[in-house]
Amino acid sequence: MNALDGVAGRAFSYGVGIGGAHWRRGDAGWRGGVELAMAARWSGRQCADYFAGTTRQASSNYCIGVDGDVVMSMDEDDRAWTSSSAWNDRRAITIECGNIDNSTGEMSQKTWDTLVGLCADICTRYGFRLNYTGDRNGSLTEHRMFASTACLGARLHARMGKLASEVNARLDGGSTKSDSKSGSSDVYLVKVTCDALNIRKGPGTGYAVVGCIRSRGTYTIVGTSGNWGRLKSGAGWICLDYTSRAGSAKASSAKAADIDAMARAVIRGDYGSGEERRCRLGEKYAAVQRRVNELLK
C-alpha cells in the first residue's frame, strides 16, 4: 500500500523481517534502559539488512547510519540479541550505531544528533531517564559490559556520560540542535491513525520522504508548523491530519512513573493483598500488578 503523508509506527523508516535465530518475538520485558553497540561504516538500512541476512546470532531494535538515518530493525516489543545478555536485552531498547572509525568508535555529528533524539524519545515514551553508572546497573549500558569486547570503541565509550547528560537535558526541556528548527515548540503526544505514514525532511509534501511509520503507535511531537509535527526522535516531520492527539508527553511520563511507584509500594505491602489490594488500586490494578510481576522476576 502507499504511505500517507505522516509516517507510521513507533519509529522509523524500514521494517526488516529477521530470522528467528536472531531475536525473540514478544520477549521484551519492562523497558527501562538503552543499550548501545557499534556497527560498521553503514547506513541504517545496511545495518538492518546485515542483521536480516547474517548467520550470526545478532540483531538490534534500531540501527543509526553514518549520515544520521535511523531504521527500526525490529519492534520494541521484541527482544533483540545485542548485548550478549538476555536479561539486559529484555529491559533495554537496543541501538546499533554506525561509525566513521571502527577502531575508536568515532561517529559523525549527524549520527550523534540522531542518537540523542532517539534516546530522548524512548525515555519519554517509557518514563525513565538515562543514568550512566559505568556498569550494568545503570539505564544506559554498553555491549562491553556483558561480553569480552571493545565495542563501543574508546571514543564513544568516553562520551557515554555526555550522552546521558544531553538526553536528560532534552527531557527537561533544554535546547538542542534539532529543537531550533522552524515551527512552534509545543510538546505533546499523537497517535497515528493510518497504516503507513510518511516521515518527511521538512513540514510539507515538497520535502523528501526520509522514512515511513507502519504501525499505529504513539509519538512525541516537539514542534508544529501548520498541520505538520516534528518528531522528537529527530527522524523528521509527519502530517498531523493522519493522527489524533494523545495527551502531553509530561503526562505520559508521569503516568509510567506513578505505576512504577505504586508497584514498589505493593511489594512493600502498603496496599495489602487479594481483594483489598484490588479495591485500593481500582482501575490501575492491572497495570500495577503487571509492573509488580516484572519487578519480581
Protein backbone atom coordinates (compact mmCIF):
# COMPACT_ATOMS: atom_id res chain seq x y z
CA MET A 1 0.00 0.00 0.00
CA ASN A 2 1.08 3.59 -0.48
CA ALA A 3 2.16 5.54 2.57
CA LEU A 4 0.25 8.64 3.57
CA ASP A 5 1.89 11.91 4.47
CA GLY A 6 2.84 11.48 8.05
CA VAL A 7 4.74 8.23 8.88
CA ALA A 8 3.68 5.15 10.67
CA GLY A 9 4.54 3.47 13.87
CA ARG A 10 6.76 3.77 16.85
CA ALA A 11 9.77 4.56 14.88
CA PHE A 12 11.04 4.99 11.59
CA SER A 13 11.56 4.00 8.11
CA TYR A 14 12.31 0.46 7.17
CA GLY A 15 10.97 -2.73 8.66
CA VAL A 16 13.06 -5.89 8.22
CA GLY A 17 11.98 -9.49 8.69
CA ILE A 18 14.80 -11.00 10.73
CA GLY A 19 15.27 -14.76 11.02
CA GLY A 20 14.02 -16.47 14.16
CA ALA A 21 17.51 -17.45 15.32
CA HIS A 22 18.49 -13.83 15.90
CA TRP A 23 15.71 -12.46 18.13
CA ARG A 24 12.65 -13.39 20.18
CA ARG A 25 9.19 -12.12 19.23
CA GLY A 26 7.29 -10.57 22.12
CA ASP A 27 10.03 -11.48 24.61
CA ALA A 28 10.75 -7.95 25.81
CA GLY A 29 10.17 -7.13 29.46
CA TRP A 30 9.59 -3.81 31.18
CA ARG A 31 11.54 -1.25 29.15
CA GLY A 32 13.73 0.84 31.41
CA GLY A 33 17.05 1.18 29.62
CA VAL A 34 19.01 1.86 26.43
CA GLU A 35 21.78 -0.47 25.24
CA LEU A 36 24.36 0.72 22.69
CA ALA A 37 26.56 -1.29 20.34
CA MET A 38 28.73 -0.26 17.42
CA ALA A 39 28.22 -1.26 13.79
CA ALA A 40 30.42 -0.52 10.76
CA ARG A 41 30.51 2.43 8.37
CA TRP A 42 26.96 1.71 7.24
CA SER A 43 23.65 3.41 6.66
CA GLY A 44 20.84 2.38 8.97
CA ARG A 45 19.34 0.25 6.23
CA GLN A 46 22.64 -1.51 5.51
CA CYS A 47 22.92 -2.40 9.18
CA ALA A 48 19.36 -3.76 9.28
CA ASP A 49 19.95 -5.71 6.07
CA TYR A 50 23.05 -7.24 7.61
CA PHE A 51 21.07 -8.49 10.60
CA ALA A 52 18.38 -9.85 8.28
CA GLY A 53 20.88 -11.93 6.31
CA THR A 54 23.64 -12.89 8.71
CA THR A 55 24.07 -16.31 10.28
CA ARG A 56 25.41 -14.64 13.43
CA GLN A 57 23.09 -14.53 16.41
CA ALA A 58 22.94 -10.75 16.42
CA SER A 59 20.31 -8.04 15.98
CA SER A 60 19.09 -4.74 17.44
CA ASN A 61 15.84 -2.81 17.75
CA TYR A 62 17.26 0.22 15.92
CA CYS A 63 20.12 0.97 13.53
CA ILE A 64 21.50 4.50 13.08
CA GLY A 65 23.59 5.16 9.97
CA VAL A 66 26.67 7.32 9.47
CA ASP A 67 24.51 10.03 7.86
CA GLY A 68 22.06 10.06 10.77
CA ASP A 69 19.33 7.93 9.18
CA VAL A 70 17.54 5.65 11.62
CA VAL A 71 15.80 2.35 10.94
CA MET A 72 13.63 0.17 13.15
CA SER A 73 15.09 -3.28 12.59
CA MET A 74 12.57 -4.97 14.89
CA ASP A 75 9.65 -3.88 17.05
CA GLU A 76 10.25 -2.63 20.58
CA ASP A 77 8.04 -5.44 21.89
CA ASP A 78 10.57 -7.97 20.59
CA ARG A 79 13.85 -8.86 22.30
CA ALA A 80 16.90 -8.22 20.16
CA TRP A 81 20.15 -10.12 20.62
CA THR A 82 22.54 -7.21 21.10
CA SER A 83 24.36 -7.18 24.43
CA SER A 84 25.08 -10.92 24.97
CA SER A 85 22.74 -10.71 27.97
CA ALA A 86 19.12 -11.89 27.69
CA TRP A 87 18.31 -10.01 30.91
CA ASN A 88 19.63 -6.73 29.56
CA ASP A 89 18.12 -7.14 26.09
CA ARG A 90 14.69 -7.66 27.67
CA ARG A 91 14.80 -4.42 29.63
CA ALA A 92 16.66 -2.23 27.12
CA ILE A 93 15.78 -0.84 23.72
CA THR A 94 18.94 -1.68 21.79
CA ILE A 95 20.63 0.57 19.23
CA GLU A 96 23.46 -0.16 16.78
CA CYS A 97 25.34 2.99 15.75
CA GLY A 98 27.25 3.38 12.51
CA ASN A 99 30.75 4.81 12.88
CA ILE A 100 33.37 6.50 10.73
CA ASP A 101 36.28 4.84 12.54
CA ASN A 102 35.64 1.29 13.72
CA SER A 103 38.82 1.16 15.81
CA THR A 104 37.85 4.08 18.04
CA GLY A 105 34.05 4.19 17.73
CA GLU A 106 34.14 7.73 16.35
CA MET A 107 30.78 8.71 14.87
CA SER A 108 29.59 11.59 12.73
CA GLN A 109 27.77 14.56 14.26
CA LYS A 110 24.64 13.50 12.35
CA THR A 111 24.77 10.06 13.96
CA TRP A 112 25.27 11.62 17.38
CA ASP A 113 22.35 14.04 16.95
CA THR A 114 20.05 11.21 15.88
CA LEU A 115 21.22 9.05 18.79
CA VAL A 116 20.39 11.82 21.29
CA GLY A 117 16.96 12.33 19.72
CA LEU A 118 16.12 8.63 19.60
CA CYS A 119 17.20 8.07 23.22
CA ALA A 120 15.14 11.06 24.35
CA ASP A 121 12.09 9.72 22.51
CA ILE A 122 12.50 6.28 24.11
CA CYS A 123 12.91 7.78 27.58
CA THR A 124 9.83 9.95 27.12
CA ARG A 125 7.60 7.10 25.99
CA TYR A 126 8.73 4.66 28.69
CA GLY A 127 9.07 7.16 31.52
CA PHE A 128 12.71 6.91 32.60
CA ARG A 129 15.91 8.97 32.46
CA LEU A 130 19.35 7.92 31.26
CA ASN A 131 21.70 7.06 34.11
CA TYR A 132 25.22 6.03 33.13
CA THR A 133 26.97 4.33 36.06
CA GLY A 134 29.84 2.71 34.15
CA ASP A 135 28.47 -0.75 34.88
CA ARG A 136 25.38 -2.82 34.07
CA ASN A 137 23.31 -1.25 36.88
CA GLY A 138 22.55 1.98 35.02
CA SER A 139 19.80 2.58 32.48
CA LEU A 140 22.41 3.31 29.79
CA THR A 141 24.58 0.27 29.02
CA GLU A 142 27.21 -0.84 26.52
CA HIS A 143 27.94 -4.15 24.83
CA ARG A 144 31.32 -4.35 26.62
CA MET A 145 29.55 -4.59 29.99
CA PHE A 146 28.18 -8.04 29.13
CA ALA A 147 30.82 -9.58 26.84
CA SER A 148 34.57 -9.63 26.27
CA THR A 149 34.60 -6.99 23.53
CA ALA A 150 35.91 -3.48 22.87
CA CYS A 151 32.52 -2.49 21.40
CA LEU A 152 31.65 0.61 21.53
CA GLY A 153 35.22 1.73 20.95
CA ALA A 154 37.19 4.12 23.14
CA ARG A 155 35.75 7.32 21.65
CA LEU A 156 32.07 6.57 22.18
CA HIS A 157 32.74 4.82 25.49
CA ALA A 158 34.29 8.06 26.77
CA ARG A 159 31.17 10.02 25.73
CA MET A 160 28.54 7.89 27.46
CA GLY A 161 28.21 10.32 30.35
CA LYS A 162 27.85 13.18 27.86
CA LEU A 163 25.13 11.24 26.03
CA ALA A 164 23.16 10.78 29.24
CA SER A 165 23.53 14.49 30.07
CA GLU A 166 22.34 15.67 26.64
CA VAL A 167 19.37 13.30 26.62
CA ASN A 168 18.29 14.29 30.13
CA ALA A 169 18.67 17.98 29.24
CA ARG A 170 16.26 17.44 26.36
CA LEU A 171 13.84 15.63 28.67
CA ASP A 172 13.97 18.68 30.94
CA GLY A 173 13.12 20.98 28.04
CA GLY A 174 16.66 22.12 27.32
CA SER A 175 17.62 23.45 23.89
CA THR A 176 19.28 21.15 21.35
CA LYS A 177 20.29 21.49 17.74
CA SER A 178 17.17 19.79 16.48
CA ASP A 179 14.95 21.97 18.67
CA SER A 180 15.97 25.12 16.77
CA LYS A 181 14.10 24.23 13.55
CA SER A 182 11.08 26.12 12.24
CA GLY A 183 7.67 25.90 13.87
CA SER A 184 6.25 26.24 17.36
CA SER A 185 7.85 24.33 20.25
CA ASP A 186 4.72 22.71 21.73
CA VAL A 187 5.43 19.22 23.13
CA TYR A 188 2.60 16.68 23.01
CA LEU A 189 1.75 13.11 22.05
CA VAL A 190 -0.08 11.94 18.94
CA LYS A 191 -1.35 8.53 17.90
CA VAL A 192 -1.02 7.56 14.24
CA THR A 193 -4.41 6.65 12.73
CA CYS A 194 -3.30 5.15 9.39
CA ASP A 195 -1.31 2.06 8.48
CA ALA A 196 1.52 3.86 6.69
CA LEU A 197 2.53 7.47 7.26
CA ASN A 198 5.43 9.22 5.53
CA ILE A 199 8.15 10.97 7.50
CA ARG A 200 9.48 13.95 5.58
CA LYS A 201 12.60 16.02 5.94
CA GLY A 202 10.56 19.19 6.50
CA PRO A 203 6.97 20.35 7.16
CA GLY A 204 5.33 19.80 3.76
CA THR A 205 5.00 17.47 0.80
CA GLY A 206 7.69 19.43 -1.02
CA TYR A 207 10.30 17.89 1.29
CA ALA A 208 11.85 14.49 0.63
CA VAL A 209 10.44 11.36 2.26
CA VAL A 210 13.00 10.06 4.76
CA GLY A 211 11.01 7.28 6.41
CA CYS A 212 7.65 5.69 6.98
CA ILE A 213 5.71 4.73 10.11
CA ARG A 214 3.94 1.42 9.63
CA SER A 215 2.28 0.83 12.96
CA ARG A 216 -0.37 2.84 14.76
CA GLY A 217 1.86 3.85 17.61
CA THR A 218 2.15 6.94 19.81
CA TYR A 219 4.80 9.58 19.12
CA THR A 220 6.11 12.73 20.75
CA ILE A 221 5.77 15.96 18.74
CA VAL A 222 8.16 18.76 19.71
CA GLY A 223 7.31 21.36 17.10
CA THR A 224 4.36 22.30 14.89
CA SER A 225 4.21 24.08 11.54
CA GLY A 226 0.68 24.27 10.16
CA ASN A 227 -0.68 20.73 10.04
CA TRP A 228 2.79 19.19 10.35
CA GLY A 229 4.51 17.98 13.51
CA ARG A 230 8.22 17.39 14.18
CA LEU A 231 9.07 14.05 15.80
CA LYS A 232 11.12 14.30 18.98
CA SER A 233 13.33 11.45 17.79
CA GLY A 234 14.73 13.75 15.12
CA ALA A 235 13.54 11.44 12.33
CA GLY A 236 11.63 14.25 10.59
CA TRP A 237 8.11 15.66 10.20
CA ILE A 238 4.72 13.95 9.91
CA CYS A 239 1.36 15.22 8.68
CA LEU A 240 -0.93 15.60 11.70
CA ASP A 241 -4.04 15.05 9.57
CA TYR A 242 -3.42 11.32 9.99
CA THR A 243 -3.01 11.41 13.78
CA SER A 244 -5.09 12.04 16.86
CA ARG A 245 -4.00 13.96 19.95
CA ALA A 246 -2.98 11.56 22.74
CA GLY A 247 -2.15 13.97 25.57
CA SER A 248 1.01 15.63 26.84
CA ALA A 249 4.44 13.99 26.91
CA LYS A 250 4.87 15.01 30.54
CA ALA A 251 1.58 13.37 31.48
CA SER A 252 2.63 10.11 29.79
CA SER A 253 5.98 10.04 31.61
CA ALA A 254 4.30 10.89 34.91
CA LYS A 255 1.79 8.06 34.46
CA ALA A 256 4.57 5.50 33.90
CA ALA A 257 6.47 6.79 36.93
CA ASP A 258 3.26 6.64 39.01
CA ILE A 259 2.63 2.98 38.07
CA ASP A 260 6.21 2.09 38.98
CA ALA A 261 5.99 3.84 42.34
CA MET A 262 2.69 2.12 43.18
CA ALA A 263 4.12 -1.27 42.20
CA ARG A 264 7.04 -0.80 44.57
CA ALA A 265 4.60 0.18 47.32
CA VAL A 266 2.64 -3.03 46.65
CA ILE A 267 5.83 -5.06 47.08
CA ARG A 268 6.45 -3.31 50.41
CA GLY A 269 2.96 -4.35 51.50
CA ASP A 270 1.42 -0.87 51.53
CA TYR A 271 -1.65 -1.96 49.54
CA GLY A 272 -2.41 -5.22 51.34
CA SER A 273 -3.27 -8.32 49.31
CA GLY A 274 -6.10 -10.01 47.44
CA GLU A 275 -9.36 -8.08 47.23
CA GLU A 276 -8.08 -5.31 49.48
CA ARG A 277 -5.28 -4.55 47.02
CA ARG A 278 -7.64 -4.74 44.05
CA CYS A 279 -10.09 -2.32 45.64
CA ARG A 280 -7.44 0.17 46.73
CA LEU A 281 -5.75 0.24 43.32
CA GLY A 282 -9.03 0.49 41.42
CA GLU A 283 -8.66 0.92 37.65
CA LYS A 284 -4.87 0.90 37.96
CA TYR A 285 -4.82 -2.62 39.41
CA ALA A 286 -3.93 -4.46 36.18
CA ALA A 287 -1.13 -2.09 35.18
CA VAL A 288 0.36 -2.02 38.67
CA GLN A 289 0.20 -5.79 39.03
CA ARG A 290 1.98 -6.25 35.69
CA ARG A 291 4.77 -3.99 36.91
CA VAL A 292 4.93 -5.89 40.22
CA ASN A 293 5.38 -9.14 38.32
CA GLU A 294 8.14 -7.60 36.20
CA LEU A 295 9.99 -6.32 39.26
CA LEU A 296 9.81 -9.72 40.97
CA LYS A 297 11.09 -11.75 38.01
